[in-house]
PDB file of N, CA and C in Angstrom:
ATOM      1  N   MET A   1     -46.748 -26.631 -13.231  1.00  0.00           N
ATOM      2  CA  MET A   1     -45.437 -26.040 -13.337  1.00  0.00           C
ATOM      3  C   MET A   1     -44.832 -25.900 -11.938  1.00  0.00           C
ATOM      4  N   LEU A   2     -43.572 -26.224 -11.819  1.00  0.00           N
ATOM      5  CA  LEU A   2     -42.839 -26.118 -10.571  1.00  0.00           C
ATOM      6  C   LEU A   2     -41.644 -25.215 -10.843  1.00  0.00           C
ATOM      7  N   GLU A   3     -41.601 -24.070 -10.163  1.00  0.00           N
ATOM      8  CA  GLU A   3     -40.547 -23.095 -10.414  1.00  0.00           C
ATOM      9  C   GLU A   3     -39.913 -22.656  -9.097  1.00  0.00           C
ATOM     10  N   PHE A   4     -38.591 -22.691  -9.055  1.00  0.00           N
ATOM     11  CA  PHE A   4     -37.867 -22.254  -7.866  1.00  0.00           C
ATOM     12  C   PHE A   4     -38.256 -20.824  -7.507  1.00  0.00           C
ATOM     13  N   ASP A   5     -38.462 -20.561  -6.207  1.00  0.00           N
ATOM     14  CA  ASP A   5     -38.771 -19.214  -5.752  1.00  0.00           C
ATOM     15  C   ASP A   5     -37.661 -18.655  -4.870  1.00  0.00           C
ATOM     16  N   HIS A   6     -37.322 -19.349  -3.781  1.00  0.00           N
ATOM     17  CA  HIS A   6     -36.280 -18.838  -2.900  1.00  0.00           C
ATOM     18  C   HIS A   6     -35.767 -19.900  -1.936  1.00  0.00           C
ATOM     19  N   VAL A   7     -34.674 -19.550  -1.278  1.00  0.00           N
ATOM     20  CA  VAL A   7     -34.141 -20.330  -0.166  1.00  0.00           C
ATOM     21  C   VAL A   7     -34.316 -19.469   1.075  1.00  0.00           C
ATOM     22  N   GLY A   8     -34.887 -20.032   2.117  1.00  0.00           N
ATOM     23  CA  GLY A   8     -35.081 -19.316   3.374  1.00  0.00           C
ATOM     24  C   GLY A   8     -34.057 -19.744   4.401  1.00  0.00           C
ATOM     25  N   ILE A   9     -33.415 -18.764   5.033  1.00  0.00           N
ATOM     26  CA  ILE A   9     -32.366 -19.043   6.012  1.00  0.00           C
ATOM     27  C   ILE A   9     -32.644 -18.250   7.289  1.00  0.00           C
ATOM     28  N   THR A  10     -32.617 -18.942   8.408  1.00  0.00           N
ATOM     29  CA  THR A  10     -32.804 -18.302   9.704  1.00  0.00           C
ATOM     30  C   THR A  10     -31.531 -17.561  10.100  1.00  0.00           C
ATOM     31  N   THR A  11     -31.704 -16.382  10.675  1.00  0.00           N
ATOM     32  CA  THR A  11     -30.573 -15.590  11.139  1.00  0.00           C
ATOM     33  C   THR A  11     -30.938 -14.918  12.464  1.00  0.00           C
ATOM     34  N   THR A  12     -29.932 -14.502  13.197  1.00  0.00           N
ATOM     35  CA  THR A  12     -30.155 -13.706  14.407  1.00  0.00           C
ATOM     36  C   THR A  12     -29.663 -12.276  14.195  1.00  0.00           C
ATOM     37  N   VAL A  13     -29.171 -11.998  13.002  1.00  0.00           N
ATOM     38  CA  VAL A  13     -28.614 -10.689  12.661  1.00  0.00           C
ATOM     39  C   VAL A  13     -29.661  -9.858  11.920  1.00  0.00           C
ATOM     40  N   THR A  14     -29.869  -8.627  12.350  1.00  0.00           N
ATOM     41  CA  THR A  14     -30.787  -7.726  11.671  1.00  0.00           C
ATOM     42  C   THR A  14     -30.316  -7.524  10.232  1.00  0.00           C
ATOM     43  N   GLN A  15     -31.269  -7.631   9.287  1.00  0.00           N
ATOM     44  CA  GLN A  15     -30.957  -7.498   7.868  1.00  0.00           C
ATOM     45  C   GLN A  15     -31.520  -6.184   7.325  1.00  0.00           C
ATOM     46  N   PRO A  16     -30.904  -5.640   6.286  1.00  0.00           N
ATOM     47  CA  PRO A  16     -31.468  -4.433   5.659  1.00  0.00           C
ATOM     48  C   PRO A  16     -32.848  -4.735   5.062  1.00  0.00           C
ATOM     49  N   ASP A  17     -33.740  -3.778   5.156  1.00  0.00           N
ATOM     50  CA  ASP A  17     -35.079  -3.874   4.545  1.00  0.00           C
ATOM     51  C   ASP A  17     -35.914  -5.054   5.035  1.00  0.00           C
ATOM     52  N   GLU A  18     -35.792  -5.390   6.309  1.00  0.00           N
ATOM     53  CA  GLU A  18     -36.638  -6.444   6.884  1.00  0.00           C
ATOM     54  C   GLU A  18     -38.088  -5.970   6.944  1.00  0.00           C
ATOM     55  N   ASN A  19     -38.998  -6.923   6.868  1.00  0.00           N
ATOM     56  CA  ASN A  19     -40.424  -6.657   7.021  1.00  0.00           C
ATOM     57  C   ASN A  19     -40.943  -7.477   8.199  1.00  0.00           C
ATOM     58  N   TRP A  20     -41.803  -6.849   8.999  1.00  0.00           N
ATOM     59  CA  TRP A  20     -42.361  -7.498  10.180  1.00  0.00           C
ATOM     60  C   TRP A  20     -43.628  -8.250   9.817  1.00  0.00           C
ATOM     61  N   VAL A  21     -43.717  -9.529  10.227  1.00  0.00           N
ATOM     62  CA  VAL A  21     -44.923 -10.337  10.043  1.00  0.00           C
ATOM     63  C   VAL A  21     -45.476 -10.605  11.440  1.00  0.00           C
ATOM     64  N   GLU A  22     -46.472  -9.829  11.817  1.00  0.00           N
ATOM     65  CA  GLU A  22     -47.025  -9.880  13.179  1.00  0.00           C
ATOM     66  C   GLU A  22     -47.584 -11.254  13.526  1.00  0.00           C
ATOM     67  N   GLN A  23     -48.314 -11.859  12.603  1.00  0.00           N
ATOM     68  CA  GLN A  23     -48.993 -13.121  12.886  1.00  0.00           C
ATOM     69  C   GLN A  23     -48.031 -14.207  13.380  1.00  0.00           C
ATOM     70  N   SER A  24     -46.861 -14.298  12.752  1.00  0.00           N
ATOM     71  CA  SER A  24     -45.900 -15.321  13.161  1.00  0.00           C
ATOM     72  C   SER A  24     -44.722 -14.742  13.948  1.00  0.00           C
ATOM     73  N   ARG A  25     -44.722 -13.427  14.151  1.00  0.00           N
ATOM     74  CA  ARG A  25     -43.704 -12.725  14.927  1.00  0.00           C
ATOM     75  C   ARG A  25     -42.300 -13.019  14.406  1.00  0.00           C
ATOM     76  N   VAL A  26     -42.121 -12.672  13.129  1.00  0.00           N
ATOM     77  CA  VAL A  26     -40.845 -12.903  12.464  1.00  0.00           C
ATOM     78  C   VAL A  26     -40.532 -11.724  11.549  1.00  0.00           C
ATOM     79  N   TRP A  27     -39.263 -11.384  11.462  1.00  0.00           N
ATOM     80  CA  TRP A  27     -38.776 -10.389  10.522  1.00  0.00           C
ATOM     81  C   TRP A  27     -38.297 -11.137   9.285  1.00  0.00           C
ATOM     82  N   VAL A  28     -38.702 -10.715   8.092  1.00  0.00           N
ATOM     83  CA  VAL A  28     -38.303 -11.399   6.855  1.00  0.00           C
ATOM     84  C   VAL A  28     -37.801 -10.386   5.835  1.00  0.00           C
ATOM     85  N   THR A  29     -36.921 -10.854   4.973  1.00  0.00           N
ATOM     86  CA  THR A  29     -36.498 -10.041   3.839  1.00  0.00           C
ATOM     87  C   THR A  29     -37.210 -10.564   2.596  1.00  0.00           C
ATOM     88  N   ASN A  30     -37.299  -9.730   1.595  1.00  0.00           N
ATOM     89  CA  ASN A  30     -37.941 -10.123   0.346  1.00  0.00           C
ATOM     90  C   ASN A  30     -36.905 -10.798  -0.549  1.00  0.00           C
ATOM     91  N   PRO A  31     -37.082 -12.091  -0.862  1.00  0.00           N
ATOM     92  CA  PRO A  31     -36.084 -12.787  -1.673  1.00  0.00           C
ATOM     93  C   PRO A  31     -35.961 -12.239  -3.093  1.00  0.00           C
ATOM     94  N   ARG A  32     -36.963 -11.517  -3.563  1.00  0.00           N
ATOM     95  CA  ARG A  32     -36.885 -10.927  -4.899  1.00  0.00           C
ATOM     96  C   ARG A  32     -35.912  -9.747  -4.955  1.00  0.00           C
ATOM     97  N   ASN A  33     -35.519  -9.255  -3.783  1.00  0.00           N
ATOM     98  CA  ASN A  33     -34.527  -8.187  -3.726  1.00  0.00           C
ATOM     99  C   ASN A  33     -33.111  -8.734  -3.599  1.00  0.00           C
ATOM    100  N   SER A  34     -32.976 -10.039  -3.567  1.00  0.00           N
ATOM    101  CA  SER A  34     -31.672 -10.692  -3.433  1.00  0.00           C
ATOM    102  C   SER A  34     -31.275 -11.309  -4.770  1.00  0.00           C
ATOM    103  N   PRO A  35     -30.051 -11.066  -5.231  1.00  0.00           N
ATOM    104  CA  PRO A  35     -29.640 -11.643  -6.516  1.00  0.00           C
ATOM    105  C   PRO A  35     -29.630 -13.171  -6.505  1.00  0.00           C
ATOM    106  N   HIS A  36     -29.562 -13.761  -5.316  1.00  0.00           N
ATOM    107  CA  HIS A  36     -29.537 -15.223  -5.211  1.00  0.00           C
ATOM    108  C   HIS A  36     -30.835 -15.784  -4.631  1.00  0.00           C
ATOM    109  N   HIS A  37     -31.867 -14.951  -4.552  1.00  0.00           N
ATOM    110  CA  HIS A  37     -33.196 -15.366  -4.061  1.00  0.00           C
ATOM    111  C   HIS A  37     -33.125 -15.947  -2.648  1.00  0.00           C
ATOM    112  N   ILE A  38     -32.446 -15.220  -1.762  1.00  0.00           N
ATOM    113  CA  ILE A  38     -32.341 -15.628  -0.363  1.00  0.00           C
ATOM    114  C   ILE A  38     -33.341 -14.828   0.459  1.00  0.00           C
ATOM    115  N   GLU A  39     -34.095 -15.528   1.282  1.00  0.00           N
ATOM    116  CA  GLU A  39     -35.010 -14.905   2.242  1.00  0.00           C
ATOM    117  C   GLU A  39     -34.407 -15.136   3.627  1.00  0.00           C
ATOM    118  N   PHE A  40     -34.112 -14.056   4.348  1.00  0.00           N
ATOM    119  CA  PHE A  40     -33.623 -14.186   5.714  1.00  0.00           C
ATOM    120  C   PHE A  40     -34.801 -14.049   6.668  1.00  0.00           C
ATOM    121  N   LEU A  41     -34.843 -14.904   7.676  1.00  0.00           N
ATOM    122  CA  LEU A  41     -35.908 -14.905   8.668  1.00  0.00           C
ATOM    123  C   LEU A  41     -35.290 -14.752  10.052  1.00  0.00           C
ATOM    124  N   ARG A  42     -35.774 -13.760  10.790  1.00  0.00           N
ATOM    125  CA  ARG A  42     -35.278 -13.507  12.148  1.00  0.00           C
ATOM    126  C   ARG A  42     -36.471 -13.562  13.089  1.00  0.00           C
ATOM    127  N   TYR A  43     -36.524 -14.619  13.886  1.00  0.00           N
ATOM    128  CA  TYR A  43     -37.681 -14.888  14.732  1.00  0.00           C
ATOM    129  C   TYR A  43     -37.570 -14.208  16.085  1.00  0.00           C
ATOM    130  N   GLU A  44     -38.667 -13.670  16.567  1.00  0.00           N
ATOM    131  CA  GLU A  44     -38.745 -13.166  17.933  1.00  0.00           C
ATOM    132  C   GLU A  44     -38.836 -14.375  18.870  1.00  0.00           C
ATOM    133  N   PRO A  45     -38.408 -14.244  20.129  1.00  0.00           N
ATOM    134  CA  PRO A  45     -38.458 -15.382  21.060  1.00  0.00           C
ATOM    135  C   PRO A  45     -39.859 -15.978  21.222  1.00  0.00           C
ATOM    136  N   ASP A  46     -40.882 -15.170  21.080  1.00  0.00           N
ATOM    137  CA  ASP A  46     -42.251 -15.676  21.248  1.00  0.00           C
ATOM    138  C   ASP A  46     -42.928 -16.004  19.916  1.00  0.00           C
ATOM    139  N   SER A  47     -42.147 -16.218  18.883  1.00  0.00           N
ATOM    140  CA  SER A  47     -42.704 -16.573  17.578  1.00  0.00           C
ATOM    141  C   SER A  47     -43.480 -17.883  17.665  1.00  0.00           C
ATOM    142  N   THR A  48     -44.580 -17.950  16.938  1.00  0.00           N
ATOM    143  CA  THR A  48     -45.429 -19.145  16.937  1.00  0.00           C
ATOM    144  C   THR A  48     -44.997 -20.171  15.891  1.00  0.00           C
ATOM    145  N   VAL A  49     -43.962 -19.881  15.138  1.00  0.00           N
ATOM    146  CA  VAL A  49     -43.467 -20.802  14.111  1.00  0.00           C
ATOM    147  C   VAL A  49     -42.836 -22.017  14.806  1.00  0.00           C
ATOM    148  N   PRO A  50     -43.149 -23.225  14.344  1.00  0.00           N
ATOM    149  CA  PRO A  50     -42.582 -24.430  14.969  1.00  0.00           C
ATOM    150  C   PRO A  50     -41.052 -24.443  14.926  1.00  0.00           C
ATOM    151  N   GLU A  51     -40.459 -25.007  15.957  1.00  0.00           N
ATOM    152  CA  GLU A  51     -38.998 -25.063  16.077  1.00  0.00           C
ATOM    153  C   GLU A  51     -38.356 -25.741  14.870  1.00  0.00           C
ATOM    154  N   ALA A  52     -38.987 -26.762  14.329  1.00  0.00           N
ATOM    155  CA  ALA A  52     -38.422 -27.478  13.179  1.00  0.00           C
ATOM    156  C   ALA A  52     -38.249 -26.549  11.979  1.00  0.00           C
ATOM    157  N   ILE A  53     -39.110 -25.587  11.844  1.00  0.00           N
ATOM    158  CA  ILE A  53     -38.988 -24.626  10.743  1.00  0.00           C
ATOM    159  C   ILE A  53     -37.986 -23.545  11.109  1.00  0.00           C
ATOM    160  N   LYS A  54     -38.045 -23.063  12.335  1.00  0.00           N
ATOM    161  CA  LYS A  54     -37.112 -22.013  12.773  1.00  0.00           C
ATOM    162  C   LYS A  54     -35.657 -22.459  12.674  1.00  0.00           C
ATOM    163  N   ASN A  55     -35.400 -23.721  12.949  1.00  0.00           N
ATOM    164  CA  ASN A  55     -34.031 -24.209  13.058  1.00  0.00           C
ATOM    165  C   ASN A  55     -33.477 -24.841  11.781  1.00  0.00           C
ATOM    166  N   ASN A  56     -34.212 -24.760  10.689  1.00  0.00           N
ATOM    167  CA  ASN A  56     -33.761 -25.373   9.445  1.00  0.00           C
ATOM    168  C   ASN A  56     -34.008 -24.446   8.267  1.00  0.00           C
ATOM    169  N   PRO A  57     -33.135 -24.489   7.276  1.00  0.00           N
ATOM    170  CA  PRO A  57     -33.395 -23.715   6.054  1.00  0.00           C
ATOM    171  C   PRO A  57     -34.527 -24.367   5.272  1.00  0.00           C
ATOM    172  N   HIS A  58     -35.098 -23.644   4.326  1.00  0.00           N
ATOM    173  CA  HIS A  58     -36.129 -24.223   3.471  1.00  0.00           C
ATOM    174  C   HIS A  58     -35.922 -23.768   2.029  1.00  0.00           C
ATOM    175  N   VAL A  59     -36.474 -24.536   1.127  1.00  0.00           N
ATOM    176  CA  VAL A  59     -36.488 -24.193  -0.289  1.00  0.00           C
ATOM    177  C   VAL A  59     -37.952 -24.058  -0.678  1.00  0.00           C
ATOM    178  N   ALA A  60     -38.287 -22.981  -1.360  1.00  0.00           N
ATOM    179  CA  ALA A  60     -39.677 -22.728  -1.726  1.00  0.00           C
ATOM    180  C   ALA A  60     -39.823 -22.683  -3.237  1.00  0.00           C
ATOM    181  N   PHE A  61     -40.961 -23.203  -3.704  1.00  0.00           N
ATOM    182  CA  PHE A  61     -41.257 -23.250  -5.130  1.00  0.00           C
ATOM    183  C   PHE A  61     -42.607 -22.616  -5.411  1.00  0.00           C
ATOM    184  N   ARG A  62     -42.731 -21.990  -6.575  1.00  0.00           N
ATOM    185  CA  ARG A  62     -44.018 -21.514  -7.067  1.00  0.00           C
ATOM    186  C   ARG A  62     -44.669 -22.651  -7.847  1.00  0.00           C
ATOM    187  N   VAL A  63     -45.961 -22.797  -7.670  1.00  0.00           N
ATOM    188  CA  VAL A  63     -46.703 -23.836  -8.384  1.00  0.00           C
ATOM    189  C   VAL A  63     -47.991 -23.247  -8.941  1.00  0.00           C
ATOM    190  N   ASP A  64     -48.458 -23.814 -10.060  1.00  0.00           N
ATOM    191  CA  ASP A  64     -49.747 -23.405 -10.619  1.00  0.00           C
ATOM    192  C   ASP A  64     -50.883 -24.001  -9.804  1.00  0.00           C
ATOM    193  N   LYS A  65     -50.734 -25.283  -9.482  1.00  0.00           N
ATOM    194  CA  LYS A  65     -51.768 -25.992  -8.736  1.00  0.00           C
ATOM    195  C   LYS A  65     -51.097 -26.865  -7.691  1.00  0.00           C
ATOM    196  N   LEU A  66     -51.609 -26.837  -6.474  1.00  0.00           N
ATOM    197  CA  LEU A  66     -51.057 -27.688  -5.433  1.00  0.00           C
ATOM    198  C   LEU A  66     -51.231 -29.166  -5.778  1.00  0.00           C
ATOM    199  N   GLU A  67     -52.241 -29.481  -6.578  1.00  0.00           N
ATOM    200  CA  GLU A  67     -52.479 -30.859  -6.981  1.00  0.00           C
ATOM    201  C   GLU A  67     -51.295 -31.415  -7.761  1.00  0.00           C
ATOM    202  N   THR A  68     -50.546 -30.544  -8.428  1.00  0.00           N
ATOM    203  CA  THR A  68     -49.363 -30.964  -9.183  1.00  0.00           C
ATOM    204  C   THR A  68     -48.364 -31.641  -8.254  1.00  0.00           C
ATOM    205  N   ILE A  69     -48.221 -31.124  -7.067  1.00  0.00           N
ATOM    206  CA  ILE A  69     -47.248 -31.655  -6.114  1.00  0.00           C
ATOM    207  C   ILE A  69     -47.659 -33.034  -5.626  1.00  0.00           C
ATOM    208  N   SER A  70     -48.949 -33.241  -5.381  1.00  0.00           N
ATOM    209  CA  SER A  70     -49.400 -34.527  -4.855  1.00  0.00           C
ATOM    210  C   SER A  70     -49.185 -35.656  -5.859  1.00  0.00           C
ATOM    211  N   SER A  71     -49.047 -35.331  -7.143  1.00  0.00           N
ATOM    212  CA  SER A  71     -48.837 -36.360  -8.149  1.00  0.00           C
ATOM    213  C   SER A  71     -47.356 -36.662  -8.384  1.00  0.00           C
ATOM    214  N   MET A  72     -46.468 -35.896  -7.751  1.00  0.00           N
ATOM    215  CA  MET A  72     -45.037 -36.124  -7.923  1.00  0.00           C
ATOM    216  C   MET A  72     -44.592 -37.321  -7.097  1.00  0.00           C
ATOM    217  N   PRO A  73     -43.609 -38.070  -7.591  1.00  0.00           N
ATOM    218  CA  PRO A  73     -43.105 -39.207  -6.795  1.00  0.00           C
ATOM    219  C   PRO A  73     -42.527 -38.719  -5.473  1.00  0.00           C
ATOM    220  N   LYS A  74     -42.811 -39.439  -4.405  1.00  0.00           N
ATOM    221  CA  LYS A  74     -42.309 -39.040  -3.086  1.00  0.00           C
ATOM    222  C   LYS A  74     -40.788 -39.030  -3.044  1.00  0.00           C
ATOM    223  N   SER A  75     -40.139 -39.778  -3.916  1.00  0.00           N
ATOM    224  CA  SER A  75     -38.679 -39.819  -3.937  1.00  0.00           C
ATOM    225  C   SER A  75     -38.075 -38.547  -4.530  1.00  0.00           C
ATOM    226  N   SER A  76     -38.918 -37.611  -5.002  1.00  0.00           N
ATOM    227  CA  SER A  76     -38.422 -36.362  -5.574  1.00  0.00           C
ATOM    228  C   SER A  76     -37.741 -35.492  -4.531  1.00  0.00           C
ATOM    229  N   PHE A  77     -38.067 -35.701  -3.255  1.00  0.00           N
ATOM    230  CA  PHE A  77     -37.526 -34.870  -2.187  1.00  0.00           C
ATOM    231  C   PHE A  77     -37.038 -35.752  -1.056  1.00  0.00           C
ATOM    232  N   ARG A  78     -35.875 -35.407  -0.521  1.00  0.00           N
ATOM    233  CA  ARG A  78     -35.340 -36.144   0.611  1.00  0.00           C
ATOM    234  C   ARG A  78     -36.237 -35.910   1.824  1.00  0.00           C
ATOM    235  N   PRO A  79     -36.447 -36.935   2.646  1.00  0.00           N
ATOM    236  CA  PRO A  79     -37.279 -36.762   3.846  1.00  0.00           C
ATOM    237  C   PRO A  79     -36.743 -35.700   4.798  1.00  0.00           C
ATOM    238  N   SER A  80     -35.439 -35.462   4.803  1.00  0.00           N
ATOM    239  CA  SER A  80     -34.873 -34.501   5.744  1.00  0.00           C
ATOM    240  C   SER A  80     -34.894 -33.071   5.212  1.00  0.00           C
ATOM    241  N   SER A  81     -35.292 -32.889   3.968  1.00  0.00           N
ATOM    242  CA  SER A  81     -35.276 -31.544   3.403  1.00  0.00           C
ATOM    243  C   SER A  81     -36.538 -30.783   3.756  1.00  0.00           C
ATOM    244  N   SER A  82     -36.419 -29.472   3.848  1.00  0.00           N
ATOM    245  CA  SER A  82     -37.567 -28.606   4.087  1.00  0.00           C
ATOM    246  C   SER A  82     -37.946 -27.975   2.759  1.00  0.00           C
ATOM    247  N   VAL A  83     -39.006 -28.478   2.175  1.00  0.00           N
ATOM    248  CA  VAL A  83     -39.483 -27.968   0.894  1.00  0.00           C
ATOM    249  C   VAL A  83     -40.895 -27.467   1.114  1.00  0.00           C
ATOM    250  N   ILE A  84     -41.165 -26.248   0.663  1.00  0.00           N
ATOM    251  CA  ILE A  84     -42.463 -25.623   0.882  1.00  0.00           C
ATOM    252  C   ILE A  84     -43.124 -25.348  -0.460  1.00  0.00           C
ATOM    253  N   PHE A  85     -44.380 -25.761  -0.588  1.00  0.00           N
ATOM    254  CA  PHE A  85     -45.160 -25.487  -1.784  1.00  0.00           C
ATOM    255  C   PHE A  85     -46.408 -24.719  -1.375  1.00  0.00           C
ATOM    256  N   SER A  86     -46.775 -23.736  -2.148  1.00  0.00           N
ATOM    257  CA  SER A  86     -47.974 -22.974  -1.834  1.00  0.00           C
ATOM    258  C   SER A  86     -48.444 -22.231  -3.063  1.00  0.00           C
ATOM    259  N   LYS A  87     -49.724 -21.865  -3.047  1.00  0.00           N
ATOM    260  CA  LYS A  87     -50.268 -21.037  -4.118  1.00  0.00           C
ATOM    261  C   LYS A  87     -50.323 -19.579  -3.710  1.00  0.00           C
ATOM    262  N   SER A  88     -50.039 -19.268  -2.467  1.00  0.00           N
ATOM    263  CA  SER A  88     -50.095 -17.875  -2.027  1.00  0.00           C
ATOM    264  C   SER A  88     -48.799 -17.502  -1.341  1.00  0.00           C
ATOM    265  N   CYS A  89     -48.487 -16.231  -1.344  1.00  0.00           N
ATOM    266  CA  CYS A  89     -47.242 -15.760  -0.764  1.00  0.00           C
ATOM    267  C   CYS A  89     -47.525 -15.051   0.542  1.00  0.00           C
ATOM    268  N   SER A  90     -46.713 -15.345   1.557  1.00  0.00           N
ATOM    269  CA  SER A  90     -46.893 -14.665   2.840  1.00  0.00           C
ATOM    270  C   SER A  90     -45.807 -13.633   3.088  1.00  0.00           C
ATOM    271  N   CYS A  91     -44.956 -13.389   2.090  1.00  0.00           N
ATOM    272  CA  CYS A  91     -43.927 -12.359   2.256  1.00  0.00           C
ATOM    273  C   CYS A  91     -44.605 -11.000   2.404  1.00  0.00           C
ATOM    274  N   ALA A  92     -44.246 -10.293   3.430  1.00  0.00           N
ATOM    275  CA  ALA A  92     -44.925  -9.032   3.737  1.00  0.00           C
ATOM    276  C   ALA A  92     -44.786  -8.007   2.626  1.00  0.00           C
ATOM    277  N   SER A  93     -43.671  -8.019   1.909  1.00  0.00           N
ATOM    278  CA  SER A  93     -43.448  -6.973   0.925  1.00  0.00           C
ATOM    279  C   SER A  93     -43.711  -7.409  -0.513  1.00  0.00           C
ATOM    280  N   THR A  94     -44.213  -8.616  -0.681  1.00  0.00           N
ATOM    281  CA  THR A  94     -44.413  -9.137  -2.030  1.00  0.00           C
ATOM    282  C   THR A  94     -45.798  -8.775  -2.552  1.00  0.00           C
ATOM    283  N   THR A  95     -45.834  -8.276  -3.759  1.00  0.00           N
ATOM    284  CA  THR A  95     -47.113  -7.932  -4.381  1.00  0.00           C
ATOM    285  C   THR A  95     -47.316  -8.682  -5.687  1.00  0.00           C
ATOM    286  N   ARG A  96     -46.499  -9.687  -5.943  1.00  0.00           N
ATOM    287  CA  ARG A  96     -46.613 -10.440  -7.182  1.00  0.00           C
ATOM    288  C   ARG A  96     -47.980 -11.093  -7.278  1.00  0.00           C
ATOM    289  N   SER A  97     -48.496 -11.166  -8.483  1.00  0.00           N
ATOM    290  CA  SER A  97     -49.790 -11.800  -8.670  1.00  0.00           C
ATOM    291  C   SER A  97     -49.651 -13.292  -8.936  1.00  0.00           C
ATOM    292  N   SER A  98     -48.441 -13.752  -9.265  1.00  0.00           N
ATOM    293  CA  SER A  98     -48.247 -15.182  -9.517  1.00  0.00           C
ATOM    294  C   SER A  98     -48.247 -15.962  -8.212  1.00  0.00           C
ATOM    295  N   ASN A  99     -48.468 -17.227  -8.320  1.00  0.00           N
ATOM    296  CA  ASN A  99     -48.459 -18.089  -7.140  1.00  0.00           C
ATOM    297  C   ASN A  99     -47.041 -18.230  -6.643  1.00  0.00           C
ATOM    298  N   THR A 100     -46.846 -18.049  -5.359  1.00  0.00           N
ATOM    299  CA  THR A 100     -45.521 -18.171  -4.785  1.00  0.00           C
ATOM    300  C   THR A 100     -45.575 -18.983  -3.527  1.00  0.00           C
ATOM    301  N   CYS A 101     -44.423 -19.428  -3.100  1.00  0.00           N
ATOM    302  CA  CYS A 101     -44.319 -20.231  -1.891  1.00  0.00           C
ATOM    303  C   CYS A 101     -43.580 -19.470  -0.820  1.00  0.00           C
ATOM    304  N   ALA A 102     -44.057 -19.608   0.370  1.00  0.00           N
ATOM    305  CA  ALA A 102     -43.371 -19.021   1.511  1.00  0.00           C
ATOM    306  C   ALA A 102     -43.948 -19.633   2.761  1.00  0.00           C
ATOM    307  N   ILE A 103     -43.303 -19.356   3.875  1.00  0.00           N
ATOM    308  CA  ILE A 103     -43.866 -19.867   5.111  1.00  0.00           C
ATOM    309  C   ILE A 103     -44.706 -18.788   5.752  1.00  0.00           C
TER     310      ILE A 103
END
């Protein structure tokens, strides 16, 4: 199963209810608190997240099995798009038990 989870957008503006992720040195909002499933990411200057991710939006999907993605045709996604698949969620404030995608 492939289910839309959120769109991640980089910002330099402090957002309400941000959560700090020490490991990657980024402030994030919980997309489940947004009516449009938007996750805002505000990176500290010394963030370890690669520039390609910091400088581009991403779309994240929940999946049952990562193997499902490897069987999808490569033409399903544009090469220039940032699409993230994962079985675990790294959102600091998320406690969902279902598989979610995030950076």
